[in-house]
C-alpha cells in the first residue's frame, strides 16, 4: 500500500491541476525529474518526445519540467505557445560546455565539415548546425551522410565515440560531456555484476566507453525503458540518471532495477540541474507566467532548420 500523500503536497497538486485547467496549460516532465514532478506531469518522456508533444497539443501554455535547452527546443517548435520553465537556472553541463562563440571558432577551424549537433545543446549552437540528432537516431543519421563528407559531432564526446564505433565513421568531436554520465564508477559496475550475475547492464551512450563495454544494451532513455519492458530478464543494472528508475519501477513492479554508484561510491548520480524544478516552482511559474523562454526569431528559424532536417531524415 502506498503511503498517504502529505497534506501540503496534496494541496500543491490540487492547485497545480486547477491552474492547468484554468489556463489551458500542459506540464511536460523529463524522465530525470524528481518522482513528485513526474507524478503531476501530463506527459513524461525524453527531450524530443516532449517537444513534439508541445507542438501537437492544443494547450496554450507549456510548463517544461526539464532543463533550459529542452524548453528552448519546445519554443523552437512551438513559437506561438508560451513556454515556461519552473527554474531558469536549470541548465545543463553539456550545453554549458559548448558556448556559441567557442563553437563558431571550432567550426571555422574545421572548414568543409558537416556539423551534426546532439539535441542536448543551446538554440545558438543548433542555429550553427547542419543537422540535429538524438541519442536514438544519431547512428542512423550519421550513416546517411556521404562517406566522403567530413563531419563535426558536438557537444558530447562520449556519445560521439559510440556513434563512431557503431557507424564506422571517424568524426571531429567537440570535447564535451555530461557530469552525470561521466561520474559512474567502473569498479561499482563490476561489483554489481558479481553480486547480480543474471542482471542485464543497460546504459545510455553518454557514458564513457569503458563503461559501455560492460553493457548488454545501449540506448536512449526511452529505449532503455522499452528494452526493460521487452526483456525476459527480471534484473537490470542501470547506467544512466536514476530518475528513469521511477518509471521503470512503476511500469515493471515485478522487476528489479539497480542504481550504479558514482566514482565516490555514493548513490548520488542525480542531475543537480534537473532537480532544481519543484512543485512550489511549478505553481509559481503558473501563477506568475514566468520564467518564460524567449529567443530572437532569427535564431529560432536557424535552429529550426536542422531539427526539421532531422525529422525528415528520420522518416
Protein backbone atom coordinates (compact mmCIF):
# COMPACT_ATOMS: atom_id res chain seq x y z
CA UNK A 1 0.00 0.00 0.00
CA UNK A 2 1.30 3.46 -0.92
CA UNK A 3 1.95 5.85 1.98
CA UNK A 4 -0.60 8.71 2.24
CA UNK A 5 0.28 11.92 0.43
CA UNK A 6 1.26 14.67 2.92
CA UNK A 7 -1.42 17.36 3.20
CA UNK A 8 0.81 20.16 1.93
CA UNK A 9 1.83 18.14 -1.13
CA UNK A 10 -1.81 17.20 -1.75
CA UNK A 11 -2.77 20.89 -1.66
CA UNK A 12 0.07 21.78 -4.06
CA UNK A 13 -1.02 19.10 -6.51
CA UNK A 14 -4.65 20.27 -6.32
CA UNK A 15 -3.64 23.87 -7.03
CA UNK A 16 -1.39 22.84 -9.94
CA UNK A 17 -4.22 20.86 -11.54
CA UNK A 18 -6.60 23.78 -11.07
CA UNK A 19 -4.17 26.27 -12.62
CA UNK A 20 -3.58 23.97 -15.59
CA UNK A 21 -7.32 23.71 -16.24
CA UNK A 22 -7.99 27.42 -15.90
CA UNK A 23 -5.02 28.50 -18.01
CA UNK A 24 -5.09 25.70 -20.59
CA UNK A 25 -1.60 24.62 -19.58
CA UNK A 26 0.26 21.36 -20.15
CA UNK A 27 3.02 20.05 -17.87
CA UNK A 28 5.82 18.10 -19.56
CA UNK A 29 8.42 16.28 -17.47
CA UNK A 30 11.67 14.64 -18.48
CA UNK A 31 12.47 11.16 -17.18
CA UNK A 32 15.21 12.66 -14.98
CA UNK A 33 12.85 14.81 -12.93
CA UNK A 34 12.10 14.01 -9.28
CA UNK A 35 9.31 11.50 -8.70
CA UNK A 36 6.84 14.13 -7.48
CA UNK A 37 7.27 16.13 -10.70
CA UNK A 38 6.75 13.04 -12.84
CA UNK A 39 3.59 12.27 -10.85
CA UNK A 40 1.90 15.57 -11.75
CA UNK A 41 3.04 15.75 -15.40
CA UNK A 42 0.60 15.27 -18.26
CA UNK A 43 3.35 13.66 -20.34
CA UNK A 44 6.74 12.13 -19.47
CA UNK A 45 9.48 11.43 -21.98
CA UNK A 46 12.84 12.43 -23.40
CA UNK A 47 13.50 15.94 -24.68
CA UNK A 48 12.45 15.43 -28.31
CA UNK A 49 9.35 13.41 -27.41
CA UNK A 50 8.24 16.18 -25.08
CA UNK A 51 8.90 18.92 -27.64
CA UNK A 52 6.77 17.02 -30.13
CA UNK A 53 4.01 16.79 -27.53
CA UNK A 54 4.28 20.55 -27.05
CA UNK A 55 3.95 21.13 -30.79
CA UNK A 56 0.94 18.85 -31.19
CA UNK A 57 -1.13 19.90 -28.19
CA UNK A 58 -3.95 22.46 -28.14
CA UNK A 59 -2.64 23.81 -24.82
CA UNK A 60 -1.63 27.47 -24.97
CA UNK A 61 0.92 27.21 -22.16
CA UNK A 62 3.70 24.65 -21.82
CA UNK A 63 5.37 24.11 -18.44
CA UNK A 64 8.57 22.28 -19.32
CA UNK A 65 9.99 20.47 -16.30
CA UNK A 66 13.44 19.69 -17.58
CA UNK A 67 16.47 21.83 -18.33
CA UNK A 68 16.82 25.04 -20.32
CA UNK A 69 17.85 23.62 -23.71
CA UNK A 70 14.80 21.32 -23.64
CA UNK A 71 12.41 24.20 -23.05
CA UNK A 72 14.21 26.10 -25.84
CA UNK A 73 13.58 23.20 -28.22
CA UNK A 74 9.89 23.29 -27.37
CA UNK A 75 9.84 27.02 -28.13
CA UNK A 76 11.67 26.47 -31.42
CA UNK A 77 8.96 24.00 -32.49
CA UNK A 78 6.06 25.94 -30.95
CA UNK A 79 6.76 29.68 -31.23
CA UNK A 80 3.09 30.60 -30.81
CA UNK A 81 2.91 28.94 -27.38
CA UNK A 82 4.03 30.35 -24.04
CA UNK A 83 6.81 28.08 -22.79
CA UNK A 84 7.59 28.25 -19.08
CA UNK A 85 10.37 26.58 -17.12
CA UNK A 86 9.97 26.37 -13.31
CA UNK A 87 13.59 27.37 -12.65
CA UNK A 88 15.52 29.41 -15.20
CA UNK A 89 18.78 28.22 -13.61
CA UNK A 90 18.05 24.63 -14.63
CA UNK A 91 20.88 24.46 -17.12
CA UNK A 92 22.98 21.57 -18.41
CA UNK A 93 26.70 20.94 -18.00
CA UNK A 94 26.90 19.54 -21.52
CA UNK A 95 25.17 22.53 -23.11
CA UNK A 96 27.15 24.96 -20.93
CA UNK A 97 30.45 23.48 -22.18
CA UNK A 98 29.60 24.42 -25.75
CA UNK A 99 29.18 28.19 -25.96
CA UNK A 100 28.09 29.97 -29.13
CA UNK A 101 31.33 31.88 -29.87
CA UNK A 102 33.59 28.94 -29.00
CA UNK A 103 31.57 26.67 -31.23
CA UNK A 104 31.76 29.12 -34.12
CA UNK A 105 35.55 29.20 -33.75
CA UNK A 106 35.62 25.38 -33.72
CA UNK A 107 33.58 25.24 -36.93
CA UNK A 108 35.68 27.92 -38.60
CA UNK A 109 38.83 25.98 -37.66
CA UNK A 110 37.47 22.88 -39.38
CA UNK A 111 36.21 24.06 -42.77
CA UNK A 112 34.34 21.75 -45.13
CA UNK A 113 32.87 19.78 -42.21
CA UNK A 114 29.18 18.91 -41.96
CA UNK A 115 28.02 19.91 -38.47
CA UNK A 116 25.88 17.42 -36.53
CA UNK A 117 24.84 18.52 -33.06
CA UNK A 118 23.22 16.39 -30.39
CA UNK A 119 19.89 17.91 -29.34
CA UNK A 120 21.39 18.50 -25.86
CA UNK A 121 22.75 21.92 -26.83
CA UNK A 122 21.60 25.53 -26.83
CA UNK A 123 19.48 27.14 -29.52
CA UNK A 124 22.53 29.22 -30.52
CA UNK A 125 24.53 26.04 -31.19
CA UNK A 126 21.63 24.40 -33.02
CA UNK A 127 21.49 27.52 -35.20
CA UNK A 128 25.09 26.88 -36.34
CA UNK A 129 24.44 23.21 -37.14
CA UNK A 130 23.54 21.43 -40.36
CA UNK A 131 21.70 18.60 -38.64
CA UNK A 132 20.41 17.83 -35.14
CA UNK A 133 20.36 14.29 -33.77
CA UNK A 134 19.19 12.47 -30.66
CA UNK A 135 20.80 9.52 -28.91
CA UNK A 136 18.09 7.38 -30.55
CA UNK A 137 18.78 8.32 -34.16
CA UNK A 138 22.40 9.56 -34.17
CA UNK A 139 23.90 6.38 -35.64
CA UNK A 140 21.30 6.09 -38.40
CA UNK A 141 21.65 9.75 -39.35
CA UNK A 142 25.45 9.64 -39.49
CA UNK A 143 25.26 6.59 -41.76
CA UNK A 144 23.13 8.64 -44.18
CA UNK A 145 25.82 11.30 -44.63
CA UNK A 146 28.01 10.69 -47.73
CA UNK A 147 31.16 8.76 -46.76
CA UNK A 148 33.48 11.36 -48.27
CA UNK A 149 31.91 14.16 -46.20
CA UNK A 150 33.89 15.25 -43.13
CA UNK A 151 31.75 15.53 -40.00
CA UNK A 152 31.86 17.59 -36.82
CA UNK A 153 29.93 15.98 -33.95
CA UNK A 154 29.07 18.04 -30.89
CA UNK A 155 28.82 18.54 -27.99
CA UNK A 156 29.07 15.09 -26.30
CA UNK A 157 32.36 13.28 -26.93
CA UNK A 158 31.18 10.03 -25.32
CA UNK A 159 28.07 9.83 -27.50
CA UNK A 160 30.27 10.83 -30.44
CA UNK A 161 32.74 8.00 -29.81
CA UNK A 162 29.91 5.50 -29.52
CA UNK A 163 28.40 6.76 -32.78
CA UNK A 164 31.83 6.41 -34.43
CA UNK A 165 32.05 2.79 -33.28
CA UNK A 166 28.53 1.96 -34.42
CA UNK A 167 28.65 3.78 -37.75
CA UNK A 168 32.26 3.16 -38.75
CA UNK A 169 32.66 6.90 -39.41
CA UNK A 170 35.51 8.95 -37.98
CA UNK A 171 34.33 12.39 -36.86
CA UNK A 172 35.79 15.56 -35.38
CA UNK A 173 34.44 15.58 -31.82
CA UNK A 174 33.75 18.52 -29.56
CA UNK A 175 35.21 17.68 -26.14
CA UNK A 176 32.07 17.99 -24.01
CA UNK A 177 30.42 15.56 -21.61
CA UNK A 178 27.54 15.19 -19.14
CA UNK A 179 28.55 15.43 -15.47
CA UNK A 180 26.10 12.67 -14.55
CA UNK A 181 27.22 10.13 -17.14
CA UNK A 182 30.89 10.94 -16.51
CA UNK A 183 30.58 10.14 -12.81
CA UNK A 184 29.73 6.44 -12.87
CA UNK A 185 32.29 4.03 -11.42
CA UNK A 186 33.51 1.05 -13.45
CA UNK A 187 34.55 -0.65 -10.21
CA UNK A 188 30.98 -0.31 -8.94
CA UNK A 189 29.60 -1.83 -12.16
CA UNK A 190 31.94 -4.82 -11.88
CA UNK A 191 30.94 -5.37 -8.23
CA UNK A 192 27.26 -5.18 -9.10
CA UNK A 193 27.71 -7.67 -11.96
CA UNK A 194 29.29 -10.10 -9.49
CA UNK A 195 26.50 -9.51 -6.97
CA UNK A 196 23.76 -9.83 -9.60
CA UNK A 197 25.20 -12.28 -12.18
CA UNK A 198 21.87 -12.64 -14.02
CA UNK A 199 21.25 -8.89 -14.33
CA UNK A 200 21.43 -7.12 -17.67
CA UNK A 201 23.55 -3.97 -17.74
CA UNK A 202 21.73 -1.24 -19.67
CA UNK A 203 23.48 2.05 -20.42
CA UNK A 204 22.98 5.43 -22.03
CA UNK A 205 25.56 6.17 -24.78
CA UNK A 206 26.66 9.35 -22.98
CA UNK A 207 28.57 7.07 -20.58
CA UNK A 208 32.30 6.62 -21.01
CA UNK A 209 33.46 3.88 -23.38
CA UNK A 210 34.98 1.83 -20.54
CA UNK A 211 31.50 1.59 -19.00
CA UNK A 212 29.71 0.88 -22.27
CA UNK A 213 31.94 -2.18 -22.73
CA UNK A 214 30.11 -3.74 -19.76
CA UNK A 215 26.66 -3.09 -21.22
CA UNK A 216 24.31 -5.73 -22.59
CA UNK A 217 22.24 -2.99 -24.17
CA UNK A 218 23.00 0.66 -25.03
CA UNK A 219 20.30 3.13 -25.95
CA UNK A 220 18.49 6.39 -25.33
CA UNK A 221 16.44 6.92 -22.18
CA UNK A 222 13.22 5.79 -23.88
CA UNK A 223 14.92 2.80 -25.49
CA UNK A 224 16.29 1.67 -22.12
CA UNK A 225 12.76 1.68 -20.74
CA UNK A 226 11.45 -0.23 -23.77
CA UNK A 227 14.26 -2.77 -23.52
CA UNK A 228 13.48 -3.43 -19.86
CA UNK A 229 9.81 -3.95 -20.76
CA UNK A 230 10.55 -6.38 -23.58
CA UNK A 231 13.46 -8.28 -21.99
CA UNK A 232 12.97 -11.68 -20.37
CA UNK A 233 15.40 -10.63 -17.66
CA UNK A 234 14.00 -9.55 -14.31
CA UNK A 235 17.12 -7.71 -13.06
CA UNK A 236 18.79 -4.64 -14.56
CA UNK A 237 21.87 -2.62 -13.62
CA UNK A 238 21.05 0.86 -14.90
CA UNK A 239 23.80 3.19 -16.16
CA UNK A 240 22.02 6.48 -16.59
CA UNK A 241 20.47 9.23 -14.48
CA UNK A 242 18.41 7.47 -11.77
CA UNK A 243 15.25 9.50 -12.41
CA UNK A 244 14.35 6.87 -15.03
CA UNK A 245 14.11 4.27 -12.26
CA UNK A 246 10.81 5.80 -11.12
CA UNK A 247 9.15 4.95 -14.44
CA UNK A 248 10.89 1.57 -14.68
CA UNK A 249 9.69 0.52 -11.22
CA UNK A 250 6.23 1.98 -11.80
CA UNK A 251 5.73 0.21 -15.14
CA UNK A 252 7.53 -3.00 -14.19
CA UNK A 253 6.97 -3.55 -10.46
CA UNK A 254 7.98 -7.22 -10.58
CA UNK A 255 11.42 -6.44 -11.99
CA UNK A 256 14.48 -5.24 -10.08
CA UNK A 257 16.38 -2.11 -11.13
CA UNK A 258 19.76 -1.36 -9.57
CA UNK A 259 21.28 2.12 -9.49
CA UNK A 260 25.04 2.35 -10.07
CA UNK A 261 27.05 4.39 -7.52
CA UNK A 262 29.28 7.20 -8.74
CA UNK A 263 33.07 7.34 -8.56
CA UNK A 264 32.99 8.43 -4.92
CA UNK A 265 30.85 5.43 -4.03
CA UNK A 266 27.55 7.15 -3.21
CA UNK A 267 24.22 6.63 -4.94
CA UNK A 268 24.02 10.30 -5.84
CA UNK A 269 24.11 10.50 -9.62
CA UNK A 270 21.02 12.70 -9.80
CA UNK A 271 21.42 15.64 -12.14
CA UNK A 272 21.55 18.74 -9.91
CA UNK A 273 20.06 20.91 -12.67
CA UNK A 274 17.04 18.66 -13.25
CA UNK A 275 16.34 18.67 -9.52
CA UNK A 276 16.00 22.47 -9.40
CA UNK A 277 12.40 22.09 -10.55
CA UNK A 278 9.96 21.61 -7.64
CA UNK A 279 6.20 21.62 -7.08
CA UNK A 280 6.44 25.07 -5.47
CA UNK A 281 8.24 26.42 -8.54
CA UNK A 282 5.70 24.82 -10.89
CA UNK A 283 2.93 26.67 -9.04
CA UNK A 284 4.90 29.91 -9.07
CA UNK A 285 5.52 29.85 -12.81
CA UNK A 286 1.86 29.05 -13.50
CA UNK A 287 0.65 31.84 -11.22
CA UNK A 288 3.08 34.47 -12.50
CA UNK A 289 3.59 33.22 -16.07
CA UNK A 290 7.36 33.33 -15.67
CA UNK A 291 10.16 32.44 -16.21
CA UNK A 292 9.34 32.31 -19.92
CA UNK A 293 11.57 31.10 -22.74
CA UNK A 294 12.33 33.86 -25.23
CA UNK A 295 14.63 33.95 -28.25
CA UNK A 296 15.29 36.02 -31.32
CA UNK A 297 13.17 34.89 -34.26
CA UNK A 298 16.28 34.75 -36.48
CA UNK A 299 17.93 32.34 -34.04
CA UNK A 300 14.76 30.27 -33.77
CA UNK A 301 14.46 29.91 -37.54
CA UNK A 302 18.13 28.95 -37.93
CA UNK A 303 17.78 26.38 -35.13
CA UNK A 304 14.55 25.04 -36.59
CA UNK A 305 16.14 24.17 -39.93
CA UNK A 306 18.48 21.36 -38.71
CA UNK A 307 15.73 19.98 -36.45
CA UNK A 308 13.34 19.78 -39.41
CA UNK A 309 16.09 18.10 -41.42
CA UNK A 310 16.49 15.51 -38.65
CA UNK A 311 12.74 14.81 -38.64
CA UNK A 312 12.69 14.44 -42.43
CA UNK A 313 15.72 12.12 -42.45
CA UNK A 314 14.24 10.02 -39.63
CA UNK A 315 11.04 9.13 -41.51
